[in-house]
Amino acid sequence: MRQCTTKVWDRYRWGSFPCSRKGVVEWDGKFYCKQHDPVKVKARQEEQTRKWDQKQSAKEHTFACVRAVESIGGDPETVGELVRELTDLVKRAKNSGHGTIKAEAILAKTKVEL
């Protein structure tokens, strides 16, 4: 039986030892179990990075919106009015480029770069 060649840490982090699982995939003459297969490990890391990036961009967007509200003075009516105008303009901008110019003009009122 060929054993996985990956070194793993014990749960107390005192040291490492070879993985006890059976090696089922061979890469560069070394065997790996399903968990430590380098291709799958890379895919899992890329997926985690993609999810983290997605969460970070949502947080950045939220902070930009908060800055925009603060720059207006925090008046809910003004903010709601701008949001309605921007929503309408974005819908119209899908068909023509004119809406995006107006949306940029409204965003300029907020004095915040989004």
N, C-alpha and C. Protein backbone atom coordinates (compact mmCIF):
# COMPACT_ATOMS: atom_id res chain seq x y z
N MET A 1 0.84 -1.19 0.00
CA MET A 1 0.00 0.00 0.00
C MET A 1 0.89 1.25 0.00
N ARG A 2 0.56 2.18 -0.89
CA ARG A 2 1.31 3.43 -0.95
C ARG A 2 0.61 4.45 -0.06
N GLN A 3 1.40 5.14 0.73
CA GLN A 3 0.88 6.09 1.70
C GLN A 3 1.00 7.51 1.15
N CYS A 4 0.09 8.39 1.57
CA CYS A 4 0.15 9.81 1.22
C CYS A 4 1.47 10.38 1.75
N THR A 5 2.14 11.20 0.93
CA THR A 5 3.46 11.73 1.31
C THR A 5 3.40 13.08 2.02
N THR A 6 2.20 13.61 2.22
CA THR A 6 2.06 14.91 2.86
C THR A 6 2.33 14.81 4.36
N LYS A 7 3.05 15.80 4.89
CA LYS A 7 3.27 15.88 6.34
C LYS A 7 2.13 16.68 6.94
N VAL A 8 1.57 16.18 8.04
CA VAL A 8 0.49 16.86 8.73
C VAL A 8 0.90 17.12 10.18
N TRP A 9 0.32 18.15 10.77
CA TRP A 9 0.62 18.50 12.16
C TRP A 9 -0.32 17.77 13.09
N ASP A 10 0.19 17.44 14.27
CA ASP A 10 -0.72 16.86 15.26
C ASP A 10 -1.60 17.98 15.80
N ARG A 11 -2.66 17.62 16.51
CA ARG A 11 -3.62 18.64 16.92
C ARG A 11 -3.08 19.62 17.95
N TYR A 12 -1.99 19.29 18.59
CA TYR A 12 -1.40 20.20 19.58
C TYR A 12 -0.25 21.02 18.99
N ARG A 13 0.04 20.82 17.72
CA ARG A 13 1.11 21.55 16.99
C ARG A 13 2.50 21.29 17.56
N TRP A 14 2.71 20.10 18.13
CA TRP A 14 4.02 19.76 18.68
C TRP A 14 4.95 19.25 17.60
N GLY A 15 4.40 18.72 16.54
CA GLY A 15 5.26 18.18 15.50
C GLY A 15 4.44 17.67 14.33
N SER A 16 5.13 17.23 13.30
CA SER A 16 4.43 16.74 12.13
C SER A 16 4.76 15.26 11.92
N PHE A 17 3.91 14.62 11.15
CA PHE A 17 4.09 13.21 10.82
C PHE A 17 3.43 12.96 9.48
N PRO A 18 3.78 11.86 8.81
CA PRO A 18 3.17 11.58 7.51
C PRO A 18 1.66 11.32 7.65
N CYS A 19 0.91 11.75 6.66
CA CYS A 19 -0.53 11.48 6.62
C CYS A 19 -0.73 9.96 6.63
N SER A 20 -1.70 9.50 7.36
CA SER A 20 -1.91 8.06 7.51
C SER A 20 -2.79 7.46 6.43
N ARG A 21 -3.31 8.28 5.52
CA ARG A 21 -4.22 7.78 4.49
C ARG A 21 -3.48 7.14 3.32
N LYS A 22 -4.23 6.34 2.59
CA LYS A 22 -3.71 5.66 1.42
C LYS A 22 -3.56 6.66 0.27
N GLY A 23 -2.43 6.63 -0.42
CA GLY A 23 -2.22 7.49 -1.57
C GLY A 23 -2.97 6.97 -2.79
N VAL A 24 -3.83 7.81 -3.37
CA VAL A 24 -4.64 7.38 -4.51
C VAL A 24 -4.31 8.15 -5.78
N VAL A 25 -3.60 9.26 -5.66
CA VAL A 25 -3.24 10.10 -6.81
C VAL A 25 -1.73 10.26 -6.83
N GLU A 26 -1.13 10.14 -8.00
CA GLU A 26 0.32 10.28 -8.11
C GLU A 26 0.66 11.55 -8.89
N TRP A 27 1.51 12.39 -8.30
CA TRP A 27 2.01 13.61 -8.94
C TRP A 27 3.52 13.65 -8.73
N ASP A 28 4.26 13.80 -9.80
CA ASP A 28 5.73 13.89 -9.74
C ASP A 28 6.35 12.75 -8.94
N GLY A 29 5.81 11.56 -9.09
CA GLY A 29 6.37 10.40 -8.42
C GLY A 29 5.98 10.27 -6.96
N LYS A 30 5.14 11.16 -6.45
CA LYS A 30 4.70 11.10 -5.05
C LYS A 30 3.21 10.81 -5.02
N PHE A 31 2.78 10.07 -4.01
CA PHE A 31 1.38 9.73 -3.88
C PHE A 31 0.70 10.63 -2.86
N TYR A 32 -0.57 10.94 -3.14
CA TYR A 32 -1.36 11.80 -2.27
C TYR A 32 -2.74 11.20 -2.06
N CYS A 33 -3.31 11.41 -0.88
CA CYS A 33 -4.69 10.99 -0.63
C CYS A 33 -5.63 12.01 -1.28
N LYS A 34 -6.92 11.75 -1.23
CA LYS A 34 -7.89 12.66 -1.85
C LYS A 34 -7.85 14.05 -1.21
N GLN A 35 -7.63 14.12 0.09
CA GLN A 35 -7.61 15.41 0.79
C GLN A 35 -6.39 16.24 0.43
N HIS A 36 -5.24 15.61 0.25
CA HIS A 36 -4.00 16.33 0.02
C HIS A 36 -3.57 16.38 -1.44
N ASP A 37 -4.43 15.94 -2.36
CA ASP A 37 -4.15 16.01 -3.79
C ASP A 37 -3.86 17.48 -4.14
N PRO A 38 -2.65 17.79 -4.67
CA PRO A 38 -2.29 19.20 -4.93
C PRO A 38 -3.28 19.95 -5.82
N VAL A 39 -3.88 19.28 -6.78
CA VAL A 39 -4.84 19.94 -7.66
C VAL A 39 -6.08 20.33 -6.87
N LYS A 40 -6.57 19.42 -6.03
CA LYS A 40 -7.76 19.72 -5.24
C LYS A 40 -7.47 20.76 -4.16
N VAL A 41 -6.28 20.70 -3.59
CA VAL A 41 -5.90 21.70 -2.58
C VAL A 41 -5.89 23.09 -3.20
N LYS A 42 -5.31 23.20 -4.39
CA LYS A 42 -5.26 24.50 -5.08
C LYS A 42 -6.67 24.99 -5.41
N ALA A 43 -7.53 24.08 -5.88
CA ALA A 43 -8.91 24.46 -6.21
C ALA A 43 -9.65 24.96 -4.97
N ARG A 44 -9.46 24.27 -3.83
CA ARG A 44 -10.11 24.71 -2.59
C ARG A 44 -9.61 26.09 -2.16
N GLN A 45 -8.30 26.31 -2.28
CA GLN A 45 -7.74 27.61 -1.90
C GLN A 45 -8.26 28.72 -2.81
N GLU A 46 -8.37 28.44 -4.11
CA GLU A 46 -8.89 29.45 -5.04
C GLU A 46 -10.34 29.78 -4.73
N GLU A 47 -11.13 28.77 -4.38
CA GLU A 47 -12.53 28.98 -4.03
C GLU A 47 -12.64 29.82 -2.76
N GLN A 48 -11.82 29.52 -1.76
CA GLN A 48 -11.82 30.30 -0.53
C GLN A 48 -11.41 31.75 -0.79
N THR A 49 -10.41 31.94 -1.65
CA THR A 49 -9.97 33.29 -1.99
C THR A 49 -11.06 34.05 -2.72
N ARG A 50 -11.76 33.37 -3.64
CA ARG A 50 -12.85 34.00 -4.39
C ARG A 50 -13.96 34.45 -3.43
N LYS A 51 -14.33 33.58 -2.49
CA LYS A 51 -15.38 33.93 -1.52
C LYS A 51 -14.94 35.10 -0.64
N TRP A 52 -13.67 35.09 -0.21
CA TRP A 52 -13.16 36.16 0.64
C TRP A 52 -13.17 37.48 -0.13
N ASP A 53 -12.72 37.45 -1.39
CA ASP A 53 -12.72 38.66 -2.21
C ASP A 53 -14.13 39.20 -2.39
N GLN A 54 -15.08 38.29 -2.57
CA GLN A 54 -16.47 38.70 -2.75
C GLN A 54 -16.99 39.39 -1.48
N LYS A 55 -16.69 38.82 -0.32
CA LYS A 55 -17.12 39.43 0.94
C LYS A 55 -16.46 40.78 1.14
N GLN A 56 -15.16 40.88 0.81
CA GLN A 56 -14.45 42.15 0.98
C GLN A 56 -15.03 43.22 0.07
N SER A 57 -15.36 42.88 -1.17
CA SER A 57 -15.90 43.89 -2.08
C SER A 57 -17.27 44.36 -1.59
N ALA A 58 -18.06 43.45 -1.01
CA ALA A 58 -19.36 43.85 -0.44
C ALA A 58 -19.16 44.79 0.73
N LYS A 59 -18.16 44.51 1.58
CA LYS A 59 -17.87 45.39 2.71
C LYS A 59 -17.41 46.76 2.22
N GLU A 60 -16.54 46.78 1.21
CA GLU A 60 -16.06 48.06 0.68
C GLU A 60 -17.21 48.87 0.10
N HIS A 61 -18.13 48.19 -0.58
CA HIS A 61 -19.29 48.89 -1.14
C HIS A 61 -20.15 49.47 -0.01
N THR A 62 -20.34 48.69 1.05
CA THR A 62 -21.12 49.17 2.19
C THR A 62 -20.47 50.40 2.81
N PHE A 63 -19.15 50.36 3.00
CA PHE A 63 -18.46 51.51 3.58
C PHE A 63 -18.56 52.73 2.66
N ALA A 64 -18.49 52.51 1.35
CA ALA A 64 -18.62 53.63 0.41
C ALA A 64 -20.01 54.25 0.51
N CYS A 65 -21.03 53.41 0.66
CA CYS A 65 -22.39 53.93 0.81
C CYS A 65 -22.53 54.72 2.10
N VAL A 66 -21.92 54.22 3.17
CA VAL A 66 -21.97 54.94 4.45
C VAL A 66 -21.29 56.30 4.31
N ARG A 67 -20.13 56.33 3.64
CA ARG A 67 -19.44 57.61 3.43
C ARG A 67 -20.30 58.56 2.61
N ALA A 68 -21.01 58.02 1.61
CA ALA A 68 -21.88 58.86 0.78
C ALA A 68 -23.01 59.46 1.62
N VAL A 69 -23.61 58.64 2.47
CA VAL A 69 -24.69 59.14 3.33
C VAL A 69 -24.16 60.20 4.29
N GLU A 70 -22.98 59.95 4.85
CA GLU A 70 -22.39 60.93 5.77
C GLU A 70 -22.06 62.24 5.07
N SER A 71 -21.60 62.16 3.80
CA SER A 71 -21.24 63.38 3.09
C SER A 71 -22.46 64.22 2.74
N ILE A 72 -23.61 63.56 2.60
CA ILE A 72 -24.84 64.29 2.32
C ILE A 72 -25.36 64.95 3.59
N GLY A 73 -24.95 64.45 4.70
CA GLY A 73 -25.40 64.99 5.96
C GLY A 73 -26.30 64.02 6.68
N GLY A 74 -26.46 62.84 6.12
CA GLY A 74 -27.25 61.82 6.77
C GLY A 74 -28.75 62.04 6.69
N ASP A 75 -29.21 62.93 5.82
CA ASP A 75 -30.64 63.19 5.68
C ASP A 75 -31.29 62.03 4.92
N PRO A 76 -32.14 61.24 5.57
CA PRO A 76 -32.73 60.07 4.92
C PRO A 76 -33.53 60.39 3.66
N GLU A 77 -34.24 61.53 3.67
CA GLU A 77 -35.04 61.88 2.50
C GLU A 77 -34.15 62.15 1.29
N THR A 78 -33.05 62.89 1.51
CA THR A 78 -32.13 63.19 0.42
C THR A 78 -31.49 61.91 -0.11
N VAL A 79 -31.07 61.04 0.79
CA VAL A 79 -30.44 59.78 0.39
C VAL A 79 -31.43 58.93 -0.38
N GLY A 80 -32.65 58.80 0.13
CA GLY A 80 -33.68 58.00 -0.55
C GLY A 80 -33.99 58.54 -1.92
N GLU A 81 -34.04 59.86 -2.05
CA GLU A 81 -34.30 60.51 -3.33
C GLU A 81 -33.19 60.19 -4.34
N LEU A 82 -31.93 60.30 -3.89
CA LEU A 82 -30.80 59.99 -4.76
C LEU A 82 -30.79 58.52 -5.19
N VAL A 83 -31.12 57.65 -4.26
CA VAL A 83 -31.16 56.22 -4.59
C VAL A 83 -32.22 55.93 -5.63
N ARG A 84 -33.39 56.52 -5.48
CA ARG A 84 -34.46 56.33 -6.47
C ARG A 84 -34.03 56.86 -7.83
N GLU A 85 -33.44 58.05 -7.86
CA GLU A 85 -32.98 58.63 -9.13
C GLU A 85 -31.92 57.74 -9.79
N LEU A 86 -30.96 57.28 -8.99
CA LEU A 86 -29.90 56.44 -9.54
C LEU A 86 -30.45 55.12 -10.06
N THR A 87 -31.39 54.53 -9.34
CA THR A 87 -31.99 53.27 -9.78
C THR A 87 -32.67 53.45 -11.13
N ASP A 88 -33.44 54.52 -11.27
CA ASP A 88 -34.12 54.78 -12.54
C ASP A 88 -33.12 55.02 -13.66
N LEU A 89 -32.08 55.80 -13.37
CA LEU A 89 -31.09 56.10 -14.40
C LEU A 89 -30.30 54.85 -14.83
N VAL A 90 -30.00 53.99 -13.89
CA VAL A 90 -29.26 52.78 -14.23
C VAL A 90 -30.12 51.89 -15.12
N LYS A 91 -31.42 51.81 -14.83
CA LYS A 91 -32.32 51.02 -15.68
C LYS A 91 -32.34 51.57 -17.10
N ARG A 92 -32.40 52.90 -17.22
CA ARG A 92 -32.41 53.52 -18.55
C ARG A 92 -31.06 53.42 -19.24
N ALA A 93 -29.98 53.38 -18.45
CA ALA A 93 -28.63 53.35 -19.01
C ALA A 93 -28.33 52.05 -19.74
N LYS A 94 -29.08 51.01 -19.46
CA LYS A 94 -28.85 49.74 -20.14
C LYS A 94 -29.12 49.88 -21.64
N ASN A 95 -30.03 50.77 -22.02
CA ASN A 95 -30.37 50.95 -23.43
C ASN A 95 -29.61 52.08 -24.10
N SER A 96 -29.24 53.10 -23.33
CA SER A 96 -28.50 54.23 -23.91
C SER A 96 -27.44 54.71 -22.92
N GLY A 97 -26.42 55.35 -23.42
CA GLY A 97 -25.32 55.82 -22.58
C GLY A 97 -25.63 57.10 -21.83
N HIS A 98 -26.79 57.71 -22.08
CA HIS A 98 -27.10 59.00 -21.46
C HIS A 98 -27.35 58.89 -19.97
N GLY A 99 -27.94 57.80 -19.53
CA GLY A 99 -28.26 57.63 -18.12
C GLY A 99 -27.02 57.57 -17.24
N THR A 100 -25.93 57.00 -17.77
CA THR A 100 -24.73 56.88 -16.95
C THR A 100 -24.12 58.24 -16.67
N ILE A 101 -24.19 59.16 -17.63
CA ILE A 101 -23.65 60.50 -17.43
C ILE A 101 -24.44 61.20 -16.33
N LYS A 102 -25.77 61.08 -16.35
CA LYS A 102 -26.60 61.69 -15.32
C LYS A 102 -26.34 61.04 -13.96
N ALA A 103 -26.16 59.73 -13.95
CA ALA A 103 -25.87 59.04 -12.69
C ALA A 103 -24.57 59.53 -12.09
N GLU A 104 -23.57 59.75 -12.95
CA GLU A 104 -22.29 60.27 -12.46
C GLU A 104 -22.48 61.68 -11.89
N ALA A 105 -23.35 62.47 -12.51
CA ALA A 105 -23.60 63.82 -12.01
C ALA A 105 -24.26 63.77 -10.63
N ILE A 106 -25.18 62.82 -10.45
CA ILE A 106 -25.84 62.69 -9.15
C ILE A 106 -24.83 62.22 -8.11
N LEU A 107 -23.98 61.27 -8.49
CA LEU A 107 -22.96 60.80 -7.55
C LEU A 107 -22.00 61.92 -7.18
N ALA A 108 -21.75 62.85 -8.10
CA ALA A 108 -20.87 63.97 -7.80
C ALA A 108 -21.45 64.85 -6.69
N LYS A 109 -22.78 64.86 -6.57
CA LYS A 109 -23.42 65.62 -5.49
C LYS A 109 -23.03 65.08 -4.12
N THR A 110 -22.73 63.78 -4.06
CA THR A 110 -22.40 63.17 -2.77
C THR A 110 -20.98 63.51 -2.34
N LYS A 111 -20.15 64.00 -3.25
CA LYS A 111 -18.76 64.36 -2.96
C LYS A 111 -17.95 63.18 -2.42
N VAL A 112 -18.32 61.98 -2.86
CA VAL A 112 -17.64 60.77 -2.44
C VAL A 112 -17.35 59.93 -3.66
N GLU A 113 -16.16 59.38 -3.74
CA GLU A 113 -15.83 58.49 -4.84
C GLU A 113 -16.26 57.09 -4.48
N LEU A 114 -17.16 56.52 -5.29
CA LEU A 114 -17.61 55.16 -5.04
C LEU A 114 -16.82 54.19 -5.88
